Amino acid sequence: MTIRHISTTEAPWGVPVVMEEVTDPEIIAKSIALRKAFRKNVDWFDAHRDELIPQALERFLAICEEEPFIASTPEEARKLALAAHPHA
């Protein structure tokens, strides 16, 4: 199913919402791969939640390639994840 909608108003958070039809097979393949990686990391988190939550309380957690990265800021957690997995 393809959704095509272009918003002419701004969302409550101040950023216009734009949805466009995408037909480029390369972009579609990348989107599918990202969705699969996200699902894999969510499933991994679900399986390790009890051991991760005590370590991550009041901190920020990024998960990449089924590996946790805990830091004091979201930017630092992302930086750690991308350093370990630059292709992600």
PDB file of N, CA and C in Angstrom:
ATOM      1  N   MET A   1       0.839  -1.176   0.000  1.00  0.00           N
ATOM      2  CA  MET A   1       0.000   0.000   0.000  1.00  0.00           C
ATOM      3  C   MET A   1       0.881   1.235   0.000  1.00  0.00           C
ATOM      4  N   THR A   2       0.513   2.202  -0.773  1.00  0.00           N
ATOM      5  CA  THR A   2       1.256   3.455  -0.855  1.00  0.00           C
ATOM      6  C   THR A   2       0.406   4.563  -0.283  1.00  0.00           C
ATOM      7  N   ILE A   3       1.015   5.382   0.549  1.00  0.00           N
ATOM      8  CA  ILE A   3       0.331   6.536   1.120  1.00  0.00           C
ATOM      9  C   ILE A   3       0.939   7.777   0.500  1.00  0.00           C
ATOM     10  N   ARG A   4       0.118   8.657   0.046  1.00  0.00           N
ATOM     11  CA  ARG A   4       0.626   9.909  -0.493  1.00  0.00           C
ATOM     12  C   ARG A   4      -0.166  11.044   0.134  1.00  0.00           C
ATOM     13  N   HIS A   5       0.539  11.882   0.870  1.00  0.00           N
ATOM     14  CA  HIS A   5      -0.091  13.034   1.511  1.00  0.00           C
ATOM     15  C   HIS A   5       0.980  14.080   1.757  1.00  0.00           C
ATOM     16  N   ILE A   6       0.682  15.286   1.443  1.00  0.00           N
ATOM     17  CA  ILE A   6       1.591  16.378   1.762  1.00  0.00           C
ATOM     18  C   ILE A   6       0.811  17.362   2.622  1.00  0.00           C
ATOM     19  N   SER A   7       1.278  17.564   3.833  1.00  0.00           N
ATOM     20  CA  SER A   7       0.604  18.455   4.767  1.00  0.00           C
ATOM     21  C   SER A   7       0.920  19.902   4.420  1.00  0.00           C
ATOM     22  N   THR A   8      -0.089  20.722   4.467  1.00  0.00           N
ATOM     23  CA  THR A   8       0.132  22.146   4.233  1.00  0.00           C
ATOM     24  C   THR A   8       0.080  22.939   5.531  1.00  0.00           C
ATOM     25  N   THR A   9      -0.139  22.233   6.621  1.00  0.00           N
ATOM     26  CA  THR A   9      -0.155  22.892   7.923  1.00  0.00           C
ATOM     27  C   THR A   9       0.966  22.340   8.775  1.00  0.00           C
ATOM     28  N   GLU A  10       1.287  23.048   9.807  1.00  0.00           N
ATOM     29  CA  GLU A  10       2.338  22.580  10.697  1.00  0.00           C
ATOM     30  C   GLU A  10       1.743  21.751  11.824  1.00  0.00           C
ATOM     31  N   ALA A  11       2.487  20.740  12.199  1.00  0.00           N
ATOM     32  CA  ALA A  11       2.089  19.903  13.325  1.00  0.00           C
ATOM     33  C   ALA A  11       2.237  20.711  14.611  1.00  0.00           C
ATOM     34  N   PRO A  12       1.653  20.251  15.722  1.00  0.00           N
ATOM     35  CA  PRO A  12       1.736  20.986  16.992  1.00  0.00           C
ATOM     36  C   PRO A  12       3.164  21.264  17.449  1.00  0.00           C
ATOM     37  N   TRP A  13       4.107  20.432  17.059  1.00  0.00           N
ATOM     38  CA  TRP A  13       5.492  20.618  17.493  1.00  0.00           C
ATOM     39  C   TRP A  13       6.251  21.552  16.566  1.00  0.00           C
ATOM     40  N   GLY A  14       5.582  22.146  15.562  1.00  0.00           N
ATOM     41  CA  GLY A  14       6.187  23.179  14.751  1.00  0.00           C
ATOM     42  C   GLY A  14       6.890  22.716  13.492  1.00  0.00           C
ATOM     43  N   VAL A  15       6.825  21.441  13.173  1.00  0.00           N
ATOM     44  CA  VAL A  15       7.494  20.927  11.978  1.00  0.00           C
ATOM     45  C   VAL A  15       6.427  20.397  11.028  1.00  0.00           C
ATOM     46  N   PRO A  16       6.464  20.803   9.769  1.00  0.00           N
ATOM     47  CA  PRO A  16       5.469  20.275   8.833  1.00  0.00           C
ATOM     48  C   PRO A  16       5.609  18.762   8.681  1.00  0.00           C
ATOM     49  N   VAL A  17       4.493  18.094   8.542  1.00  0.00           N
ATOM     50  CA  VAL A  17       4.485  16.657   8.321  1.00  0.00           C
ATOM     51  C   VAL A  17       4.333  16.436   6.823  1.00  0.00           C
ATOM     52  N   VAL A  18       5.270  15.703   6.248  1.00  0.00           N
ATOM     53  CA  VAL A  18       5.229  15.446   4.810  1.00  0.00           C
ATOM     54  C   VAL A  18       5.355  13.947   4.574  1.00  0.00           C
ATOM     55  N   MET A  19       4.430  13.393   3.831  1.00  0.00           N
ATOM     56  CA  MET A  19       4.514  11.997   3.412  1.00  0.00           C
ATOM     57  C   MET A  19       4.473  11.999   1.900  1.00  0.00           C
ATOM     58  N   GLU A  20       5.362  11.225   1.311  1.00  0.00           N
ATOM     59  CA  GLU A  20       5.411  11.150  -0.139  1.00  0.00           C
ATOM     60  C   GLU A  20       5.492   9.695  -0.587  1.00  0.00           C
ATOM     61  N   GLU A  21       5.006   9.442  -1.758  1.00  0.00           N
ATOM     62  CA  GLU A  21       5.111   8.115  -2.346  1.00  0.00           C
ATOM     63  C   GLU A  21       6.568   7.862  -2.736  1.00  0.00           C
ATOM     64  N   VAL A  22       7.073   6.707  -2.362  1.00  0.00           N
ATOM     65  CA  VAL A  22       8.442   6.327  -2.704  1.00  0.00           C
ATOM     66  C   VAL A  22       8.369   5.088  -3.583  1.00  0.00           C
ATOM     67  N   THR A  23       8.989   5.175  -4.746  1.00  0.00           N
ATOM     68  CA  THR A  23       8.966   4.045  -5.666  1.00  0.00           C
ATOM     69  C   THR A  23      10.368   3.550  -6.015  1.00  0.00           C
ATOM     70  N   ASP A  24      11.386   4.251  -5.557  1.00  0.00           N
ATOM     71  CA  ASP A  24      12.769   3.871  -5.846  1.00  0.00           C
ATOM     72  C   ASP A  24      13.095   2.569  -5.115  1.00  0.00           C
ATOM     73  N   PRO A  25      13.417   1.493  -5.841  1.00  0.00           N
ATOM     74  CA  PRO A  25      13.679   0.194  -5.210  1.00  0.00           C
ATOM     75  C   PRO A  25      14.829   0.235  -4.209  1.00  0.00           C
ATOM     76  N   GLU A  26      15.839   1.059  -4.450  1.00  0.00           N
ATOM     77  CA  GLU A  26      16.978   1.155  -3.526  1.00  0.00           C
ATOM     78  C   GLU A  26      16.545   1.772  -2.195  1.00  0.00           C
ATOM     79  N   ILE A  27      15.760   2.814  -2.252  1.00  0.00           N
ATOM     80  CA  ILE A  27      15.267   3.461  -1.026  1.00  0.00           C
ATOM     81  C   ILE A  27      14.334   2.523  -0.280  1.00  0.00           C
ATOM     82  N   ILE A  28      13.486   1.822  -1.010  1.00  0.00           N
ATOM     83  CA  ILE A  28      12.570   0.871  -0.382  1.00  0.00           C
ATOM     84  C   ILE A  28      13.354  -0.245   0.299  1.00  0.00           C
ATOM     85  N   ALA A  29      14.379  -0.766  -0.345  1.00  0.00           N
ATOM     86  CA  ALA A  29      15.202  -1.833   0.238  1.00  0.00           C
ATOM     87  C   ALA A  29      15.898  -1.349   1.512  1.00  0.00           C
ATOM     88  N   LYS A  30      16.422  -0.123   1.493  1.00  0.00           N
ATOM     89  CA  LYS A  30      17.071   0.433   2.689  1.00  0.00           C
ATOM     90  C   LYS A  30      16.069   0.578   3.828  1.00  0.00           C
ATOM     91  N   SER A  31      14.871   1.023   3.500  1.00  0.00           N
ATOM     92  CA  SER A  31      13.828   1.184   4.511  1.00  0.00           C
ATOM     93  C   SER A  31      13.459  -0.159   5.132  1.00  0.00           C
ATOM     94  N   ILE A  32      13.332  -1.179   4.315  1.00  0.00           N
ATOM     95  CA  ILE A  32      13.011  -2.514   4.822  1.00  0.00           C
ATOM     96  C   ILE A  32      14.133  -3.030   5.717  1.00  0.00           C
ATOM     97  N   ALA A  33      15.385  -2.816   5.297  1.00  0.00           N
ATOM     98  CA  ALA A  33      16.532  -3.259   6.106  1.00  0.00           C
ATOM     99  C   ALA A  33      16.573  -2.538   7.446  1.00  0.00           C
ATOM    100  N   LEU A  34      16.301  -1.229   7.452  1.00  0.00           N
ATOM    101  CA  LEU A  34      16.276  -0.466   8.706  1.00  0.00           C
ATOM    102  C   LEU A  34      15.176  -0.967   9.635  1.00  0.00           C
ATOM    103  N   ARG A  35      14.024  -1.246   9.065  1.00  0.00           N
ATOM    104  CA  ARG A  35      12.902  -1.744   9.871  1.00  0.00           C
ATOM    105  C   ARG A  35      13.247  -3.105  10.489  1.00  0.00           C
ATOM    106  N   LYS A  36      13.905  -3.982   9.711  1.00  0.00           N
ATOM    107  CA  LYS A  36      14.302  -5.298  10.231  1.00  0.00           C
ATOM    108  C   LYS A  36      15.339  -5.156  11.342  1.00  0.00           C
ATOM    109  N   ALA A  37      16.316  -4.253  11.156  1.00  0.00           N
ATOM    110  CA  ALA A  37      17.337  -4.025  12.188  1.00  0.00           C
ATOM    111  C   ALA A  37      16.693  -3.476  13.458  1.00  0.00           C
ATOM    112  N   PHE A  38      15.757  -2.546  13.297  1.00  0.00           N
ATOM    113  CA  PHE A  38      15.048  -1.982  14.452  1.00  0.00           C
ATOM    114  C   PHE A  38      14.313  -3.087  15.203  1.00  0.00           C
ATOM    115  N   ARG A  39      13.588  -3.928  14.486  1.00  0.00           N
ATOM    116  CA  ARG A  39      12.827  -5.008  15.118  1.00  0.00           C
ATOM    117  C   ARG A  39      13.760  -5.971  15.841  1.00  0.00           C
ATOM    118  N   LYS A  40      14.903  -6.279  15.227  1.00  0.00           N
ATOM    119  CA  LYS A  40      15.875  -7.181  15.843  1.00  0.00           C
ATOM    120  C   LYS A  40      16.398  -6.596  17.151  1.00  0.00           C
ATOM    121  N   ASN A  41      16.678  -5.275  17.162  1.00  0.00           N
ATOM    122  CA  ASN A  41      17.162  -4.624  18.379  1.00  0.00           C
ATOM    123  C   ASN A  41      16.075  -4.528  19.453  1.00  0.00           C
ATOM    124  N   VAL A  42      14.843  -4.309  19.038  1.00  0.00           N
ATOM    125  CA  VAL A  42      13.732  -4.290  20.003  1.00  0.00           C
ATOM    126  C   VAL A  42      13.566  -5.664  20.634  1.00  0.00           C
ATOM    127  N   ASP A  43      13.621  -6.702  19.818  1.00  0.00           N
ATOM    128  CA  ASP A  43      13.500  -8.061  20.353  1.00  0.00           C
ATOM    129  C   ASP A  43      14.656  -8.372  21.307  1.00  0.00           C
ATOM    130  N   TRP A  44      15.860  -7.934  20.945  1.00  0.00           N
ATOM    131  CA  TRP A  44      17.022  -8.154  21.807  1.00  0.00           C
ATOM    132  C   TRP A  44      16.828  -7.415  23.138  1.00  0.00           C
ATOM    133  N   PHE A  45      16.364  -6.172  23.069  1.00  0.00           N
ATOM    134  CA  PHE A  45      16.114  -5.411  24.296  1.00  0.00           C
ATOM    135  C   PHE A  45      15.078  -6.117  25.167  1.00  0.00           C
ATOM    136  N   ASP A  46      14.007  -6.587  24.556  1.00  0.00           N
ATOM    137  CA  ASP A  46      12.974  -7.295  25.319  1.00  0.00           C
ATOM    138  C   ASP A  46      13.551  -8.491  26.067  1.00  0.00           C
ATOM    139  N   ALA A  47      14.496  -9.181  25.442  1.00  0.00           N
ATOM    140  CA  ALA A  47      15.102 -10.358  26.062  1.00  0.00           C
ATOM    141  C   ALA A  47      16.111 -10.008  27.154  1.00  0.00           C
ATOM    142  N   HIS A  48      16.632  -8.774  27.139  1.00  0.00           N
ATOM    143  CA  HIS A  48      17.677  -8.368  28.091  1.00  0.00           C
ATOM    144  C   HIS A  48      17.263  -7.202  28.989  1.00  0.00           C
ATOM    145  N   ARG A  49      16.003  -6.863  28.939  1.00  0.00           N
ATOM    146  CA  ARG A  49      15.486  -5.705  29.669  1.00  0.00           C
ATOM    147  C   ARG A  49      15.845  -5.716  31.157  1.00  0.00           C
ATOM    148  N   ASP A  50      15.660  -6.836  31.815  1.00  0.00           N
ATOM    149  CA  ASP A  50      15.868  -6.894  33.265  1.00  0.00           C
ATOM    150  C   ASP A  50      17.316  -6.612  33.668  1.00  0.00           C
ATOM    151  N   GLU A  51      18.258  -7.015  32.853  1.00  0.00           N
ATOM    152  CA  GLU A  51      19.666  -6.749  33.185  1.00  0.00           C
ATOM    153  C   GLU A  51      20.103  -5.344  32.763  1.00  0.00           C
ATOM    154  N   LEU A  52      19.450  -4.768  31.747  1.00  0.00           N
ATOM    155  CA  LEU A  52      19.852  -3.446  31.248  1.00  0.00           C
ATOM    156  C   LEU A  52      19.271  -2.284  32.051  1.00  0.00           C
ATOM    157  N   ILE A  53      18.035  -2.417  32.470  1.00  0.00           N
ATOM    158  CA  ILE A  53      17.367  -1.288  33.129  1.00  0.00           C
ATOM    159  C   ILE A  53      18.122  -0.795  34.359  1.00  0.00           C
ATOM    160  N   PRO A  54      18.609  -1.651  35.262  1.00  0.00           N
ATOM    161  CA  PRO A  54      19.346  -1.116  36.412  1.00  0.00           C
ATOM    162  C   PRO A  54      20.600  -0.320  36.002  1.00  0.00           C
ATOM    163  N   GLN A  55      21.269  -0.743  34.946  1.00  0.00           N
ATOM    164  CA  GLN A  55      22.469  -0.037  34.481  1.00  0.00           C
ATOM    165  C   GLN A  55      22.129   1.294  33.805  1.00  0.00           C
ATOM    166  N   ALA A  56      20.958   1.350  33.191  1.00  0.00           N
ATOM    167  CA  ALA A  56      20.602   2.509  32.376  1.00  0.00           C
ATOM    168  C   ALA A  56      19.719   3.535  33.097  1.00  0.00           C
ATOM    169  N   LEU A  57      19.377   3.287  34.341  1.00  0.00           N
ATOM    170  CA  LEU A  57      18.523   4.238  35.068  1.00  0.00           C
ATOM    171  C   LEU A  57      19.153   5.621  35.078  1.00  0.00           C
ATOM    172  N   GLU A  58      18.354   6.618  34.725  1.00  0.00           N
ATOM    173  CA  GLU A  58      18.772   8.023  34.681  1.00  0.00           C
ATOM    174  C   GLU A  58      19.903   8.265  33.686  1.00  0.00           C
ATOM    175  N   ARG A  59      20.050   7.358  32.730  1.00  0.00           N
ATOM    176  CA  ARG A  59      21.049   7.505  31.669  1.00  0.00           C
ATOM    177  C   ARG A  59      20.348   7.272  30.339  1.00  0.00           C
ATOM    178  N   PHE A  60      21.088   7.203  29.275  1.00  0.00           N
ATOM    179  CA  PHE A  60      20.522   7.007  27.951  1.00  0.00           C
ATOM    180  C   PHE A  60      21.071   5.731  27.343  1.00  0.00           C
ATOM    181  N   LEU A  61      20.194   4.985  26.704  1.00  0.00           N
ATOM    182  CA  LEU A  61      20.535   3.685  26.154  1.00  0.00           C
ATOM    183  C   LEU A  61      20.318   3.691  24.647  1.00  0.00           C
ATOM    184  N   ALA A  62      21.340   3.297  23.925  1.00  0.00           N
ATOM    185  CA  ALA A  62      21.224   3.048  22.484  1.00  0.00           C
ATOM    186  C   ALA A  62      21.538   1.572  22.281  1.00  0.00           C
ATOM    187  N   ILE A  63      20.836   0.957  21.369  1.00  0.00           N
ATOM    188  CA  ILE A  63      21.112  -0.438  21.039  1.00  0.00           C
ATOM    189  C   ILE A  63      21.373  -0.500  19.546  1.00  0.00           C
ATOM    190  N   CYS A  64      22.504  -1.073  19.189  1.00  0.00           N
ATOM    191  CA  CYS A  64      22.883  -1.205  17.788  1.00  0.00           C
ATOM    192  C   CYS A  64      23.483  -2.587  17.590  1.00  0.00           C
ATOM    193  N   GLU A  65      22.984  -3.299  16.588  1.00  0.00           N
ATOM    194  CA  GLU A  65      23.486  -4.648  16.311  1.00  0.00           C
ATOM    195  C   GLU A  65      23.402  -5.538  17.560  1.00  0.00           C
ATOM    196  N   GLU A  66      22.313  -5.391  18.303  1.00  0.00           N
ATOM    197  CA  GLU A  66      22.075  -6.176  19.524  1.00  0.00           C
ATOM    198  C   GLU A  66      23.162  -5.964  20.572  1.00  0.00           C
ATOM    199  N   GLU A  67      23.686  -4.746  20.645  1.00  0.00           N
ATOM    200  CA  GLU A  67      24.710  -4.387  21.638  1.00  0.00           C
ATOM    201  C   GLU A  67      24.280  -3.087  22.317  1.00  0.00           C
ATOM    202  N   PRO A  68      24.305  -3.055  23.662  1.00  0.00           N
ATOM    203  CA  PRO A  68      23.870  -1.843  24.363  1.00  0.00           C
ATOM    204  C   PRO A  68      25.003  -0.826  24.515  1.00  0.00           C
ATOM    205  N   PHE A  69      24.616   0.448  24.467  1.00  0.00           N
ATOM    206  CA  PHE A  69      25.544   1.552  24.701  1.00  0.00           C
ATOM    207  C   PHE A  69      24.846   2.514  25.655  1.00  0.00           C
ATOM    208  N   ILE A  70      25.404   2.662  26.830  1.00  0.00           N
ATOM    209  CA  ILE A  70      24.795   3.479  27.886  1.00  0.00           C
ATOM    210  C   ILE A  70      25.684   4.687  28.119  1.00  0.00           C
ATOM    211  N   ALA A  71      25.070   5.878  28.168  1.00  0.00           N
ATOM    212  CA  ALA A  71      25.843   7.109  28.321  1.00  0.00           C
ATOM    213  C   ALA A  71      25.020   8.150  29.071  1.00  0.00           C
ATOM    214  N   SER A  72      25.664   9.269  29.361  1.00  0.00           N
ATOM    215  CA  SER A  72      25.022  10.346  30.121  1.00  0.00           C
ATOM    216  C   SER A  72      24.116  11.225  29.263  1.00  0.00           C
ATOM    217  N   THR A  73      24.334  11.209  27.947  1.00  0.00           N
ATOM    218  CA  THR A  73      23.501  12.003  27.039  1.00  0.00           C
ATOM    219  C   THR A  73      23.086  11.126  25.859  1.00  0.00           C
ATOM    220  N   PRO A  74      21.987  11.481  25.205  1.00  0.00           N
ATOM    221  CA  PRO A  74      21.595  10.699  24.034  1.00  0.00           C
ATOM    222  C   PRO A  74      22.635  10.794  22.917  1.00  0.00           C
ATOM    223  N   GLU A  75      23.262  11.954  22.788  1.00  0.00           N
ATOM    224  CA  GLU A  75      24.281  12.129  21.756  1.00  0.00           C
ATOM    225  C   GLU A  75      25.477  11.217  21.990  1.00  0.00           C
ATOM    226  N   GLU A  76      25.879  11.085  23.247  1.00  0.00           N
ATOM    227  CA  GLU A  76      27.016  10.234  23.573  1.00  0.00           C
ATOM    228  C   GLU A  76      26.675   8.758  23.352  1.00  0.00           C
ATOM    229  N   ALA A  77      25.468   8.338  23.698  1.00  0.00           N
ATOM    230  CA  ALA A  77      25.060   6.952  23.462  1.00  0.00           C
ATOM    231  C   ALA A  77      25.072   6.653  21.969  1.00  0.00           C
ATOM    232  N   ARG A  78      24.575   7.584  21.180  1.00  0.00           N
ATOM    233  CA  ARG A  78      24.582   7.408  19.719  1.00  0.00           C
ATOM    234  C   ARG A  78      26.002   7.377  19.181  1.00  0.00           C
ATOM    235  N   LYS A  79      26.850   8.256  19.681  1.00  0.00           N
ATOM    236  CA  LYS A  79      28.248   8.316  19.248  1.00  0.00           C
ATOM    237  C   LYS A  79      28.964   6.987  19.541  1.00  0.00           C
ATOM    238  N   LEU A  80      28.746   6.424  20.714  1.00  0.00           N
ATOM    239  CA  LEU A  80      29.341   5.144  21.079  1.00  0.00           C
ATOM    240  C   LEU A  80      28.860   4.028  20.144  1.00  0.00           C
ATOM    241  N   ALA A  81      27.558   4.021  19.868  1.00  0.00           N
ATOM    242  CA  ALA A  81      26.993   2.984  19.009  1.00  0.00           C
ATOM    243  C   ALA A  81      27.561   3.090  17.597  1.00  0.00           C
ATOM    244  N   LEU A  82      27.646   4.313  17.077  1.00  0.00           N
ATOM    245  CA  LEU A  82      28.151   4.491  15.721  1.00  0.00           C
ATOM    246  C   LEU A  82      29.668   4.235  15.628  1.00  0.00           C
ATOM    247  N   ALA A  83      30.388   4.484  16.704  1.00  0.00           N
ATOM    248  CA  ALA A  83      31.826   4.178  16.710  1.00  0.00           C
ATOM    249  C   ALA A  83      32.035   2.665  16.618  1.00  0.00           C
ATOM    250  N   ALA A  84      31.201   1.911  17.310  1.00  0.00           N
ATOM    251  CA  ALA A  84      31.320   0.452  17.296  1.00  0.00           C
ATOM    252  C   ALA A  84      30.744  -0.154  16.011  1.00  0.00           C
ATOM    253  N   HIS A  85      29.759   0.524  15.429  1.00  0.00           N
ATOM    254  CA  HIS A  85      29.075   0.008  14.237  1.00  0.00           C
ATOM    255  C   HIS A  85      28.884   1.149  13.226  1.00  0.00           C
ATOM    256  N   PRO A  86      29.955   1.607  12.586  1.00  0.00           N
ATOM    257  CA  PRO A  86      29.877   2.774  11.709  1.00  0.00           C
ATOM    258  C   PRO A  86      28.960   2.585  10.494  1.00  0.00           C
ATOM    259  N   HIS A  87      28.705   1.377  10.110  1.00  0.00           N
ATOM    260  CA  HIS A  87      27.839   1.128   8.968  1.00  0.00           C
ATOM    261  C   HIS A  87      26.349   1.232   9.312  1.00  0.00           C
ATOM    262  N   ALA A  88      26.040   1.300  10.604  1.00  0.00           N
ATOM    263  CA  ALA A  88      24.633   1.316  11.036  1.00  0.00           C
ATOM    264  C   ALA A  88      23.980   2.650  10.751  1.00  0.00           C
TER     265      ALA A  88
END
